């Protein structure tokens, strides 16, 4: 049966601009584990003065349950952050690399070229540890200003990452530019370099209302890992009122299940957790299925649920 790996980024994306007690973060992560989410972006190891909402990164990792089969991951921006992630026991550390020069300077204070030079140093630090080093490609599909990006626009960046030995990438639609047609063009171009679409991770943000349509196209193309954010949560520390939430995990999971794609996630329990998180954040409600409930079905993930017209990418 066709399956997709869901990576939920809400513990990092929601709390980086909306500080909550550490106990709330632990409860969210425990709930995500209990409903069957196999990969979780727990936090960012960044300077607490810049992102005070994530100042408890080490404590969160220390208090995590560690069930087998669940990947606990984090973002890093420099060597200090990577060493902290390694010491905390992060399975994967994702370097914050931008495809946009201006955003790179604003977000990390470094140019793209300087970031790539640093990434080379970070690879040497990660080698021989239990923490795998990968890289975000922030704004891979476009933004924050200008027109959408083409595969040719980001190919030089991916070539450099490959040269550096970084083969795990998160293609992040950080600004909500991506549309299904662009998704198809981008993935079909990039997948061979990654050894197939199943090896790609794509993160879609729903800033312009195209998120679920893009999730459907990514699933059709056979992308292996989809980044989503429970209850559509998320904010940027520099602009906490900006609409930058990821696609609702619960909406994406319902879509995948109704398409006959296995996620291993308990959808009703996930919806309960999404509603719980919304109350903790006090945020403007987003998404759909958590308000209406899932479409009734006997078995969303049974083989018989696969429609005759479905042909996985």
C-alpha atoms as a PDB file:
ATOM      1  CA  UNK A   1       0.000   0.000   0.000  1.00  0.00           C
ATOM      2  CA  UNK A   2       1.150   3.553  -0.709  1.00  0.00           C
ATOM      3  CA  UNK A   3       2.346   5.416   2.388  1.00  0.00           C
ATOM      4  CA  UNK A   4       3.571   8.902   3.246  1.00  0.00           C
ATOM      5  CA  UNK A   5       5.644   9.962   6.240  1.00  0.00           C
ATOM      6  CA  UNK A   6       4.245  12.976   8.086  1.00  0.00           C
ATOM      7  CA  UNK A   7       6.689  15.241   9.929  1.00  0.00           C
ATOM      8  CA  UNK A   8       4.887  17.614  12.284  1.00  0.00           C
ATOM      9  CA  UNK A   9       6.670  20.923  12.825  1.00  0.00           C
ATOM     10  CA  UNK A  10       4.200  22.575  15.203  1.00  0.00           C
ATOM     11  CA  UNK A  11       6.317  22.300  18.399  1.00  0.00           C
ATOM     12  CA  UNK A  12       8.929  24.505  16.775  1.00  0.00           C
ATOM     13  CA  UNK A  13       6.815  26.652  14.457  1.00  0.00           C
ATOM     14  CA  UNK A  14       4.012  27.405  16.938  1.00  0.00           C
ATOM     15  CA  UNK A  15       6.105  28.194  19.986  1.00  0.00           C
ATOM     16  CA  UNK A  16       8.975  30.162  18.451  1.00  0.00           C
ATOM     17  CA  UNK A  17       6.800  33.284  18.506  1.00  0.00           C
ATOM     18  CA  UNK A  18       4.206  32.315  21.148  1.00  0.00           C
ATOM     19  CA  UNK A  19       6.001  31.355  24.365  1.00  0.00           C
ATOM     20  CA  UNK A  20       4.291  28.702  26.500  1.00  0.00           C
ATOM     21  CA  UNK A  21       5.437  26.692  29.539  1.00  0.00           C
ATOM     22  CA  UNK A  22       7.801  23.808  28.846  1.00  0.00           C
ATOM     23  CA  UNK A  23       5.185  21.399  30.172  1.00  0.00           C
ATOM     24  CA  UNK A  24       2.821  22.451  27.379  1.00  0.00           C
ATOM     25  CA  UNK A  25       5.477  21.657  24.767  1.00  0.00           C
ATOM     26  CA  UNK A  26       6.107  18.251  26.273  1.00  0.00           C
ATOM     27  CA  UNK A  27       2.392  17.490  26.340  1.00  0.00           C
ATOM     28  CA  UNK A  28       2.046  18.416  22.670  1.00  0.00           C
ATOM     29  CA  UNK A  29       4.944  16.174  21.690  1.00  0.00           C
ATOM     30  CA  UNK A  30       3.597  13.296  23.802  1.00  0.00           C
ATOM     31  CA  UNK A  31       0.199  13.691  22.146  1.00  0.00           C
ATOM     32  CA  UNK A  32       1.780  13.658  18.683  1.00  0.00           C
ATOM     33  CA  UNK A  33       3.661  10.472  19.577  1.00  0.00           C
ATOM     34  CA  UNK A  34       0.511   8.840  20.919  1.00  0.00           C
ATOM     35  CA  UNK A  35      -1.491   9.493  17.722  1.00  0.00           C
ATOM     36  CA  UNK A  36       1.256   7.948  15.578  1.00  0.00           C
ATOM     37  CA  UNK A  37       3.231  10.888  14.142  1.00  0.00           C
ATOM     38  CA  UNK A  38       6.607   9.357  13.167  1.00  0.00           C
ATOM     39  CA  UNK A  39       8.758  12.513  12.974  1.00  0.00           C
ATOM     40  CA  UNK A  40       8.567  15.719  15.003  1.00  0.00           C
ATOM     41  CA  UNK A  41      10.475  18.982  14.700  1.00  0.00           C
ATOM     42  CA  UNK A  42      10.861  19.632  18.410  1.00  0.00           C
ATOM     43  CA  UNK A  43      12.577  23.028  18.607  1.00  0.00           C
ATOM     44  CA  UNK A  44      15.392  25.240  17.328  1.00  0.00           C
ATOM     45  CA  UNK A  45      18.768  25.496  19.008  1.00  0.00           C
ATOM     46  CA  UNK A  46      19.217  29.218  18.495  1.00  0.00           C
ATOM     47  CA  UNK A  47      20.261  32.121  20.731  1.00  0.00           C
ATOM     48  CA  UNK A  48      17.565  32.662  23.387  1.00  0.00           C
ATOM     49  CA  UNK A  49      17.806  36.443  22.997  1.00  0.00           C
ATOM     50  CA  UNK A  50      16.717  36.087  19.371  1.00  0.00           C
ATOM     51  CA  UNK A  51      14.014  33.460  19.928  1.00  0.00           C
ATOM     52  CA  UNK A  52      13.085  33.515  23.611  1.00  0.00           C
ATOM     53  CA  UNK A  53      10.140  31.189  23.028  1.00  0.00           C
ATOM     54  CA  UNK A  54      12.593  28.332  22.402  1.00  0.00           C
ATOM     55  CA  UNK A  55      15.064  29.104  25.178  1.00  0.00           C
ATOM     56  CA  UNK A  56      14.180  25.797  26.850  1.00  0.00           C
ATOM     57  CA  UNK A  57      15.359  23.640  23.917  1.00  0.00           C
ATOM     58  CA  UNK A  58      17.669  21.457  26.026  1.00  0.00           C
ATOM     59  CA  UNK A  59      15.055  20.957  28.724  1.00  0.00           C
ATOM     60  CA  UNK A  60      12.428  19.930  26.176  1.00  0.00           C
ATOM     61  CA  UNK A  61      14.757  17.321  24.696  1.00  0.00           C
ATOM     62  CA  UNK A  62      15.763  16.106  28.159  1.00  0.00           C
ATOM     63  CA  UNK A  63      12.131  15.526  29.159  1.00  0.00           C
ATOM     64  CA  UNK A  64      11.034  13.841  25.943  1.00  0.00           C
ATOM     65  CA  UNK A  65       9.897  10.233  25.972  1.00  0.00           C
ATOM     66  CA  UNK A  66      11.995   8.243  23.532  1.00  0.00           C
ATOM     67  CA  UNK A  67       9.826   5.569  21.901  1.00  0.00           C
ATOM     68  CA  UNK A  68      11.429   3.537  19.146  1.00  0.00           C
ATOM     69  CA  UNK A  69      10.598   4.573  15.616  1.00  0.00           C
ATOM     70  CA  UNK A  70       9.973   8.273  16.289  1.00  0.00           C
ATOM     71  CA  UNK A  71      12.474  10.818  14.943  1.00  0.00           C
ATOM     72  CA  UNK A  72      13.054  13.912  17.097  1.00  0.00           C
ATOM     73  CA  UNK A  73      14.511  16.751  15.064  1.00  0.00           C
ATOM     74  CA  UNK A  74      15.588  20.384  15.452  1.00  0.00           C
ATOM     75  CA  UNK A  75      16.718  23.459  13.551  1.00  0.00           C
ATOM     76  CA  UNK A  76      20.195  24.987  13.900  1.00  0.00           C
ATOM     77  CA  UNK A  77      21.772  28.144  12.539  1.00  0.00           C
ATOM     78  CA  UNK A  78      25.441  27.806  13.528  1.00  0.00           C
ATOM     79  CA  UNK A  79      28.079  25.551  15.091  1.00  0.00           C
ATOM     80  CA  UNK A  80      26.971  26.302  18.647  1.00  0.00           C
ATOM     81  CA  UNK A  81      23.409  25.309  17.810  1.00  0.00           C
ATOM     82  CA  UNK A  82      24.530  22.111  16.127  1.00  0.00           C
ATOM     83  CA  UNK A  83      26.666  21.087  19.101  1.00  0.00           C
ATOM     84  CA  UNK A  84      23.706  21.746  21.403  1.00  0.00           C
ATOM     85  CA  UNK A  85      21.474  19.591  19.173  1.00  0.00           C
ATOM     86  CA  UNK A  86      24.030  16.768  19.154  1.00  0.00           C
ATOM     87  CA  UNK A  87      24.429  16.903  22.945  1.00  0.00           C
ATOM     88  CA  UNK A  88      20.630  16.887  23.365  1.00  0.00           C
ATOM     89  CA  UNK A  89      20.288  13.757  21.229  1.00  0.00           C
ATOM     90  CA  UNK A  90      18.493  15.158  18.186  1.00  0.00           C
ATOM     91  CA  UNK A  91      18.190  12.521  15.472  1.00  0.00           C
ATOM     92  CA  UNK A  92      18.448  15.144  12.724  1.00  0.00           C
ATOM     93  CA  UNK A  93      19.567  18.775  12.797  1.00  0.00           C
ATOM     94  CA  UNK A  94      18.314  20.980   9.974  1.00  0.00           C
ATOM     95  CA  UNK A  95      20.443  23.957   8.977  1.00  0.00           C
ATOM     96  CA  UNK A  96      18.495  27.118   8.165  1.00  0.00           C
ATOM     97  CA  UNK A  97      19.598  27.878   4.594  1.00  0.00           C
ATOM     98  CA  UNK A  98      17.588  30.332   2.503  1.00  0.00           C
ATOM     99  CA  UNK A  99      17.146  30.411  -1.263  1.00  0.00           C
ATOM    100  CA  UNK A 100      16.561  34.173  -1.010  1.00  0.00           C
ATOM    101  CA  UNK A 101      19.570  36.424  -0.449  1.00  0.00           C
ATOM    102  CA  UNK A 102      17.735  39.233   1.334  1.00  0.00           C
ATOM    103  CA  UNK A 103      15.884  36.861   3.648  1.00  0.00           C
ATOM    104  CA  UNK A 104      19.125  35.028   4.404  1.00  0.00           C
ATOM    105  CA  UNK A 105      20.733  38.272   5.571  1.00  0.00           C
ATOM    106  CA  UNK A 106      17.669  39.207   7.631  1.00  0.00           C
ATOM    107  CA  UNK A 107      17.142  35.777   9.189  1.00  0.00           C
ATOM    108  CA  UNK A 108      20.701  34.732  10.052  1.00  0.00           C
ATOM    109  CA  UNK A 109      22.874  37.755   9.260  1.00  0.00           C
ATOM    110  CA  UNK A 110      24.735  35.792   6.582  1.00  0.00           C
ATOM    111  CA  UNK A 111      24.671  35.709   2.813  1.00  0.00           C
ATOM    112  CA  UNK A 112      23.836  32.480   1.015  1.00  0.00           C
ATOM    113  CA  UNK A 113      27.506  32.018   0.169  1.00  0.00           C
ATOM    114  CA  UNK A 114      28.546  32.534   3.781  1.00  0.00           C
ATOM    115  CA  UNK A 115      25.868  30.065   4.886  1.00  0.00           C
ATOM    116  CA  UNK A 116      27.186  27.417   2.508  1.00  0.00           C
ATOM    117  CA  UNK A 117      30.724  27.931   3.798  1.00  0.00           C
ATOM    118  CA  UNK A 118      29.448  27.484   7.358  1.00  0.00           C
ATOM    119  CA  UNK A 119      27.504  24.387   6.357  1.00  0.00           C
ATOM    120  CA  UNK A 120      30.753  22.793   5.205  1.00  0.00           C
ATOM    121  CA  UNK A 121      32.156  23.323   8.713  1.00  0.00           C
ATOM    122  CA  UNK A 122      28.995  21.954  10.297  1.00  0.00           C
ATOM    123  CA  UNK A 123      29.229  18.749   8.284  1.00  0.00           C
ATOM    124  CA  UNK A 124      32.631  18.119   9.861  1.00  0.00           C
ATOM    125  CA  UNK A 125      31.119  18.598  13.327  1.00  0.00           C
ATOM    126  CA  UNK A 126      28.200  16.229  12.641  1.00  0.00           C
ATOM    127  CA  UNK A 127      30.345  13.478  11.108  1.00  0.00           C
ATOM    128  CA  UNK A 128      30.792  10.591  13.514  1.00  0.00           C
ATOM    129  CA  UNK A 129      27.915  11.621  15.776  1.00  0.00           C
ATOM    130  CA  UNK A 130      24.432  10.153  16.106  1.00  0.00           C
ATOM    131  CA  UNK A 131      22.891  13.347  14.695  1.00  0.00           C
ATOM    132  CA  UNK A 132      22.329  13.541  10.958  1.00  0.00           C
ATOM    133  CA  UNK A 133      22.787  16.961   9.341  1.00  0.00           C
ATOM    134  CA  UNK A 134      20.349  18.137   6.691  1.00  0.00           C
ATOM    135  CA  UNK A 135      19.439  21.507   5.269  1.00  0.00           C
ATOM    136  CA  UNK A 136      16.322  23.557   4.854  1.00  0.00           C
ATOM    137  CA  UNK A 137      15.964  25.362   1.555  1.00  0.00           C
ATOM    138  CA  UNK A 138      13.819  28.223   2.831  1.00  0.00           C
ATOM    139  CA  UNK A 139      11.559  29.943   0.276  1.00  0.00           C
ATOM    140  CA  UNK A 140      12.403  27.247  -2.271  1.00  0.00           C
ATOM    141  CA  UNK A 141       9.242  27.974  -4.254  1.00  0.00           C
ATOM    142  CA  UNK A 142       9.424  31.768  -4.023  1.00  0.00           C
ATOM    143  CA  UNK A 143       9.279  34.768  -1.733  1.00  0.00           C
ATOM    144  CA  UNK A 144       9.236  36.709   0.363  1.00  0.00           C
ATOM    145  CA  UNK A 145       9.179  39.138  -2.584  1.00  0.00           C
ATOM    146  CA  UNK A 146       9.194  38.736  -6.348  1.00  0.00           C
ATOM    147  CA  UNK A 147       7.847  35.991  -8.537  1.00  0.00           C
ATOM    148  CA  UNK A 148       7.790  32.240  -7.952  1.00  0.00           C
ATOM    149  CA  UNK A 149      11.053  30.334  -8.277  1.00  0.00           C
ATOM    150  CA  UNK A 150      11.795  27.801 -10.980  1.00  0.00           C
ATOM    151  CA  UNK A 151      13.878  24.625 -10.680  1.00  0.00           C
ATOM    152  CA  UNK A 152      16.640  26.433 -12.530  1.00  0.00           C
ATOM    153  CA  UNK A 153      16.637  29.135  -9.839  1.00  0.00           C
ATOM    154  CA  UNK A 154      17.428  26.738  -7.003  1.00  0.00           C
ATOM    155  CA  UNK A 155      19.440  24.121  -8.899  1.00  0.00           C
ATOM    156  CA  UNK A 156      22.801  25.819  -8.186  1.00  0.00           C
ATOM    157  CA  UNK A 157      21.985  25.745  -4.462  1.00  0.00           C
ATOM    158  CA  UNK A 158      21.106  22.045  -4.572  1.00  0.00           C
ATOM    159  CA  UNK A 159      24.298  21.347  -6.531  1.00  0.00           C
ATOM    160  CA  UNK A 160      26.328  23.037  -3.803  1.00  0.00           C
ATOM    161  CA  UNK A 161      24.560  21.045  -1.101  1.00  0.00           C
ATOM    162  CA  UNK A 162      25.310  17.821  -2.962  1.00  0.00           C
ATOM    163  CA  UNK A 163      28.955  18.804  -3.302  1.00  0.00           C
ATOM    164  CA  UNK A 164      29.098  19.423   0.448  1.00  0.00           C
ATOM    165  CA  UNK A 165      27.693  15.941   1.077  1.00  0.00           C
ATOM    166  CA  UNK A 166      24.311  17.221   2.310  1.00  0.00           C
ATOM    167  CA  UNK A 167      21.705  14.936   0.743  1.00  0.00           C
ATOM    168  CA  UNK A 168      18.759  15.549   3.085  1.00  0.00           C
ATOM    169  CA  UNK A 169      16.827  18.663   2.095  1.00  0.00           C
ATOM    170  CA  UNK A 170      13.581  20.272   3.182  1.00  0.00           C
ATOM    171  CA  UNK A 171      12.161  22.174   0.234  1.00  0.00           C
ATOM    172  CA  UNK A 172      10.168  24.758   2.177  1.00  0.00           C
ATOM    173  CA  UNK A 173       7.379  26.839   0.673  1.00  0.00           C
ATOM    174  CA  UNK A 174       7.923  29.318   3.479  1.00  0.00           C
ATOM    175  CA  UNK A 175       5.927  32.139   1.890  1.00  0.00           C
ATOM    176  CA  UNK A 176       2.960  30.231   0.495  1.00  0.00           C
ATOM    177  CA  UNK A 177       3.906  30.658  -3.171  1.00  0.00           C
ATOM    178  CA  UNK A 178       3.623  27.044  -4.288  1.00  0.00           C
ATOM    179  CA  UNK A 179       0.775  25.936  -6.570  1.00  0.00           C
ATOM    180  CA  UNK A 180       0.196  22.409  -7.954  1.00  0.00           C
ATOM    181  CA  UNK A 181       1.607  23.123 -11.404  1.00  0.00           C
ATOM    182  CA  UNK A 182       4.788  24.590  -9.921  1.00  0.00           C
ATOM    183  CA  UNK A 183       5.007  21.664  -7.490  1.00  0.00           C
ATOM    184  CA  UNK A 184       4.929  19.225 -10.418  1.00  0.00           C
ATOM    185  CA  UNK A 185       7.614  21.078 -12.366  1.00  0.00           C
ATOM    186  CA  UNK A 186       9.867  21.416  -9.321  1.00  0.00           C
ATOM    187  CA  UNK A 187       9.590  17.845  -8.049  1.00  0.00           C
ATOM    188  CA  UNK A 188       9.955  16.217 -11.460  1.00  0.00           C
ATOM    189  CA  UNK A 189      13.144  18.229 -11.989  1.00  0.00           C
ATOM    190  CA  UNK A 190      14.666  17.664  -8.537  1.00  0.00           C
ATOM    191  CA  UNK A 191      13.615  14.075  -7.738  1.00  0.00           C
ATOM    192  CA  UNK A 192      16.273  12.339  -9.882  1.00  0.00           C
ATOM    193  CA  UNK A 193      19.016  14.261  -8.059  1.00  0.00           C
ATOM    194  CA  UNK A 194      17.611  13.014  -4.735  1.00  0.00           C
ATOM    195  CA  UNK A 195      17.384   9.398  -5.913  1.00  0.00           C
ATOM    196  CA  UNK A 196      13.615   9.593  -6.325  1.00  0.00           C
ATOM    197  CA  UNK A 197      10.695  11.619  -5.005  1.00  0.00           C
ATOM    198  CA  UNK A 198      10.339   9.236  -2.054  1.00  0.00           C
ATOM    199  CA  UNK A 199      13.607  10.678  -0.676  1.00  0.00           C
ATOM    200  CA  UNK A 200      12.353  14.285  -0.701  1.00  0.00           C
ATOM    201  CA  UNK A 201      10.845  16.273   2.156  1.00  0.00           C
ATOM    202  CA  UNK A 202       8.580  19.179   1.222  1.00  0.00           C
ATOM    203  CA  UNK A 203       7.124  21.731   3.611  1.00  0.00           C
ATOM    204  CA  UNK A 204       4.060  23.674   2.485  1.00  0.00           C
ATOM    205  CA  UNK A 205       2.747  26.800   4.175  1.00  0.00           C
ATOM    206  CA  UNK A 206      -0.857  27.778   3.641  1.00  0.00           C
ATOM    207  CA  UNK A 207      -0.436  31.556   3.543  1.00  0.00           C
ATOM    208  CA  UNK A 208      -2.371  31.856   0.281  1.00  0.00           C
ATOM    209  CA  UNK A 209      -4.857  29.007   0.640  1.00  0.00           C
ATOM    210  CA  UNK A 210      -3.192  26.585  -1.792  1.00  0.00           C
ATOM    211  CA  UNK A 211      -1.767  24.222   0.815  1.00  0.00           C
ATOM    212  CA  UNK A 212      -4.084  21.225   0.591  1.00  0.00           C
ATOM    213  CA  UNK A 213      -4.046  21.319  -3.209  1.00  0.00           C
ATOM    214  CA  UNK A 214      -0.244  21.189  -3.057  1.00  0.00           C
ATOM    215  CA  UNK A 215      -0.316  18.306  -0.562  1.00  0.00           C
ATOM    216  CA  UNK A 216      -2.498  16.320  -2.966  1.00  0.00           C
ATOM    217  CA  UNK A 217      -0.066  16.945  -5.816  1.00  0.00           C
ATOM    218  CA  UNK A 218       2.967  16.045  -3.700  1.00  0.00           C
ATOM    219  CA  UNK A 219       1.288  12.768  -2.739  1.00  0.00           C
ATOM    220  CA  UNK A 220       0.470  12.039  -6.370  1.00  0.00           C
ATOM    221  CA  UNK A 221       4.114  12.586  -7.279  1.00  0.00           C
ATOM    222  CA  UNK A 222       5.255  10.144  -4.591  1.00  0.00           C
ATOM    223  CA  UNK A 223       7.078  12.584  -2.292  1.00  0.00           C
ATOM    224  CA  UNK A 224       8.069  10.556   0.759  1.00  0.00           C
ATOM    225  CA  UNK A 225       7.872  13.064   3.620  1.00  0.00           C
ATOM    226  CA  UNK A 226       5.403  15.930   4.030  1.00  0.00           C
ATOM    227  CA  UNK A 227       5.932  18.633   6.636  1.00  0.00           C
ATOM    228  CA  UNK A 228       2.717  19.893   8.251  1.00  0.00           C
ATOM    229  CA  UNK A 229       1.810  21.889  11.338  1.00  0.00           C
ATOM    230  CA  UNK A 230      -0.954  20.829  13.706  1.00  0.00           C
ATOM    231  CA  UNK A 231      -3.972  23.200  13.620  1.00  0.00           C
ATOM    232  CA  UNK A 232      -2.142  25.264  10.999  1.00  0.00           C
ATOM    233  CA  UNK A 233      -0.070  26.784  13.785  1.00  0.00           C
ATOM    234  CA  UNK A 234       2.998  28.893  13.261  1.00  0.00           C
ATOM    235  CA  UNK A 235       4.484  32.356  13.476  1.00  0.00           C
ATOM    236  CA  UNK A 236       7.836  34.043  12.886  1.00  0.00           C
ATOM    237  CA  UNK A 237       9.574  35.712  15.857  1.00  0.00           C
ATOM    238  CA  UNK A 238      10.307  38.828  13.799  1.00  0.00           C
ATOM    239  CA  UNK A 239       6.678  39.124  12.646  1.00  0.00           C
ATOM    240  CA  UNK A 240       4.441  37.257  15.118  1.00  0.00           C
ATOM    241  CA  UNK A 241       1.237  38.522  13.480  1.00  0.00           C
ATOM    242  CA  UNK A 242       2.201  37.342   9.989  1.00  0.00           C
ATOM    243  CA  UNK A 243       0.282  34.415   8.503  1.00  0.00           C
ATOM    244  CA  UNK A 244       3.021  31.808   8.152  1.00  0.00           C
ATOM    245  CA  UNK A 245       1.433  28.630   9.508  1.00  0.00           C
ATOM    246  CA  UNK A 246       2.019  25.280   7.869  1.00  0.00           C
ATOM    247  CA  UNK A 247      -0.709  23.222   6.266  1.00  0.00           C
ATOM    248  CA  UNK A 248      -2.893  21.723   9.022  1.00  0.00           C
ATOM    249  CA  UNK A 249      -1.605  18.248   9.801  1.00  0.00           C
ATOM    250  CA  UNK A 250      -5.120  17.008  10.461  1.00  0.00           C
ATOM    251  CA  UNK A 251      -6.430  18.297   7.107  1.00  0.00           C
ATOM    252  CA  UNK A 252      -3.486  16.765   5.259  1.00  0.00           C
ATOM    253  CA  UNK A 253      -3.923  13.400   6.995  1.00  0.00           C
ATOM    254  CA  UNK A 254      -7.635  13.267   6.151  1.00  0.00           C
ATOM    255  CA  UNK A 255      -6.864  14.031   2.491  1.00  0.00           C
ATOM    256  CA  UNK A 256      -4.216  11.320   2.355  1.00  0.00           C
ATOM    257  CA  UNK A 257      -6.411   8.721   4.033  1.00  0.00           C
ATOM    258  CA  UNK A 258      -9.352   9.428   1.736  1.00  0.00           C
ATOM    259  CA  UNK A 259      -6.987   9.031  -1.198  1.00  0.00           C
ATOM    260  CA  UNK A 260      -5.975   5.619   0.093  1.00  0.00           C
ATOM    261  CA  UNK A 261      -2.538   6.621   1.340  1.00  0.00           C
ATOM    262  CA  UNK A 262      -1.358   5.236   4.668  1.00  0.00           C
ATOM    263  CA  UNK A 263       0.153   7.562   7.303  1.00  0.00           C
ATOM    264  CA  UNK A 264      -0.123   5.393  10.425  1.00  0.00           C
ATOM    265  CA  UNK A 265      -1.802   8.298  12.239  1.00  0.00           C
ATOM    266  CA  UNK A 266      -5.030   8.054  14.240  1.00  0.00           C
ATOM    267  CA  UNK A 267      -7.040  10.863  12.630  1.00  0.00           C
ATOM    268  CA  UNK A 268      -9.773  11.327  15.293  1.00  0.00           C
ATOM    269  CA  UNK A 269      -7.121  11.472  18.035  1.00  0.00           C
ATOM    270  CA  UNK A 270      -5.081  13.888  15.926  1.00  0.00           C
ATOM    271  CA  UNK A 271      -8.124  16.163  15.581  1.00  0.00           C
ATOM    272  CA  UNK A 272      -8.593  16.134  19.356  1.00  0.00           C
ATOM    273  CA  UNK A 273      -4.951  17.168  19.768  1.00  0.00           C
ATOM    274  CA  UNK A 274      -5.314  19.943  17.179  1.00  0.00           C
ATOM    275  CA  UNK A 275      -8.266  21.384  19.092  1.00  0.00           C
ATOM    276  CA  UNK A 276      -6.315  21.122  22.348  1.00  0.00           C
ATOM    277  CA  UNK A 277      -3.367  22.993  20.805  1.00  0.00           C
ATOM    278  CA  UNK A 278      -5.628  25.771  19.510  1.00  0.00           C
ATOM    279  CA  UNK A 279      -6.863  26.394  23.041  1.00  0.00           C
ATOM    280  CA  UNK A 280      -3.284  26.514  24.357  1.00  0.00           C
ATOM    281  CA  UNK A 281      -2.249  29.068  21.749  1.00  0.00           C
ATOM    282  CA  UNK A 282      -5.397  31.148  21.855  1.00  0.00           C
ATOM    283  CA  UNK A 283      -4.811  31.606  18.135  1.00  0.00           C
ATOM    284  CA  UNK A 284      -7.269  32.389  15.372  1.00  0.00           C
ATOM    285  CA  UNK A 285      -8.742  29.037  14.294  1.00  0.00           C
ATOM    286  CA  UNK A 286      -7.484  27.648  10.991  1.00  0.00           C
ATOM    287  CA  UNK A 287      -8.181  24.483   9.066  1.00  0.00           C
ATOM    288  CA  UNK A 288     -11.353  22.553   8.465  1.00  0.00           C
ATOM    289  CA  UNK A 289     -11.571  18.985   9.710  1.00  0.00           C
ATOM    290  CA  UNK A 290     -10.997  19.901  13.343  1.00  0.00           C
ATOM    291  CA  UNK A 291     -14.146  22.022  13.213  1.00  0.00           C
ATOM    292  CA  UNK A 292     -16.368  19.637  11.254  1.00  0.00           C
ATOM    293  CA  UNK A 293     -15.009  16.187  12.106  1.00  0.00           C
ATOM    294  CA  UNK A 294     -13.653  13.674   9.583  1.00  0.00           C
ATOM    295  CA  UNK A 295     -15.646  12.221   6.713  1.00  0.00           C
ATOM    296  CA  UNK A 296     -17.316   9.043   8.029  1.00  0.00           C
ATOM    297  CA  UNK A 297     -15.812   5.879   6.607  1.00  0.00           C
ATOM    298  CA  UNK A 298     -15.460   2.239   7.636  1.00  0.00           C
ATOM    299  CA  UNK A 299     -11.713   2.124   7.223  1.00  0.00           C
ATOM    300  CA  UNK A 300      -9.881   5.095   5.774  1.00  0.00           C
ATOM    301  CA  UNK A 301      -6.705   3.080   5.270  1.00  0.00           C
ATOM    302  CA  UNK A 302      -8.021  -0.278   4.103  1.00  0.00           C
ATOM    303  CA  UNK A 303      -6.708  -1.498   0.717  1.00  0.00           C
ATOM    304  CA  UNK A 304     -10.278  -1.453  -0.597  1.00  0.00           C
ATOM    305  CA  UNK A 305     -10.285   2.327  -0.042  1.00  0.00           C
ATOM    306  CA  UNK A 306      -7.850   2.819  -2.913  1.00  0.00           C
ATOM    307  CA  UNK A 307      -9.803   4.274  -5.841  1.00  0.00           C
ATOM    308  CA  UNK A 308      -9.395   2.520  -9.187  1.00  0.00           C
ATOM    309  CA  UNK A 309      -8.093   5.719 -10.763  1.00  0.00           C
ATOM    310  CA  UNK A 310      -5.299   6.208  -8.206  1.00  0.00           C
ATOM    311  CA  UNK A 311      -1.802   5.658  -9.576  1.00  0.00           C
ATOM    312  CA  UNK A 312       0.986   6.581  -7.148  1.00  0.00           C
ATOM    313  CA  UNK A 313       3.791   8.663  -8.600  1.00  0.00           C
END
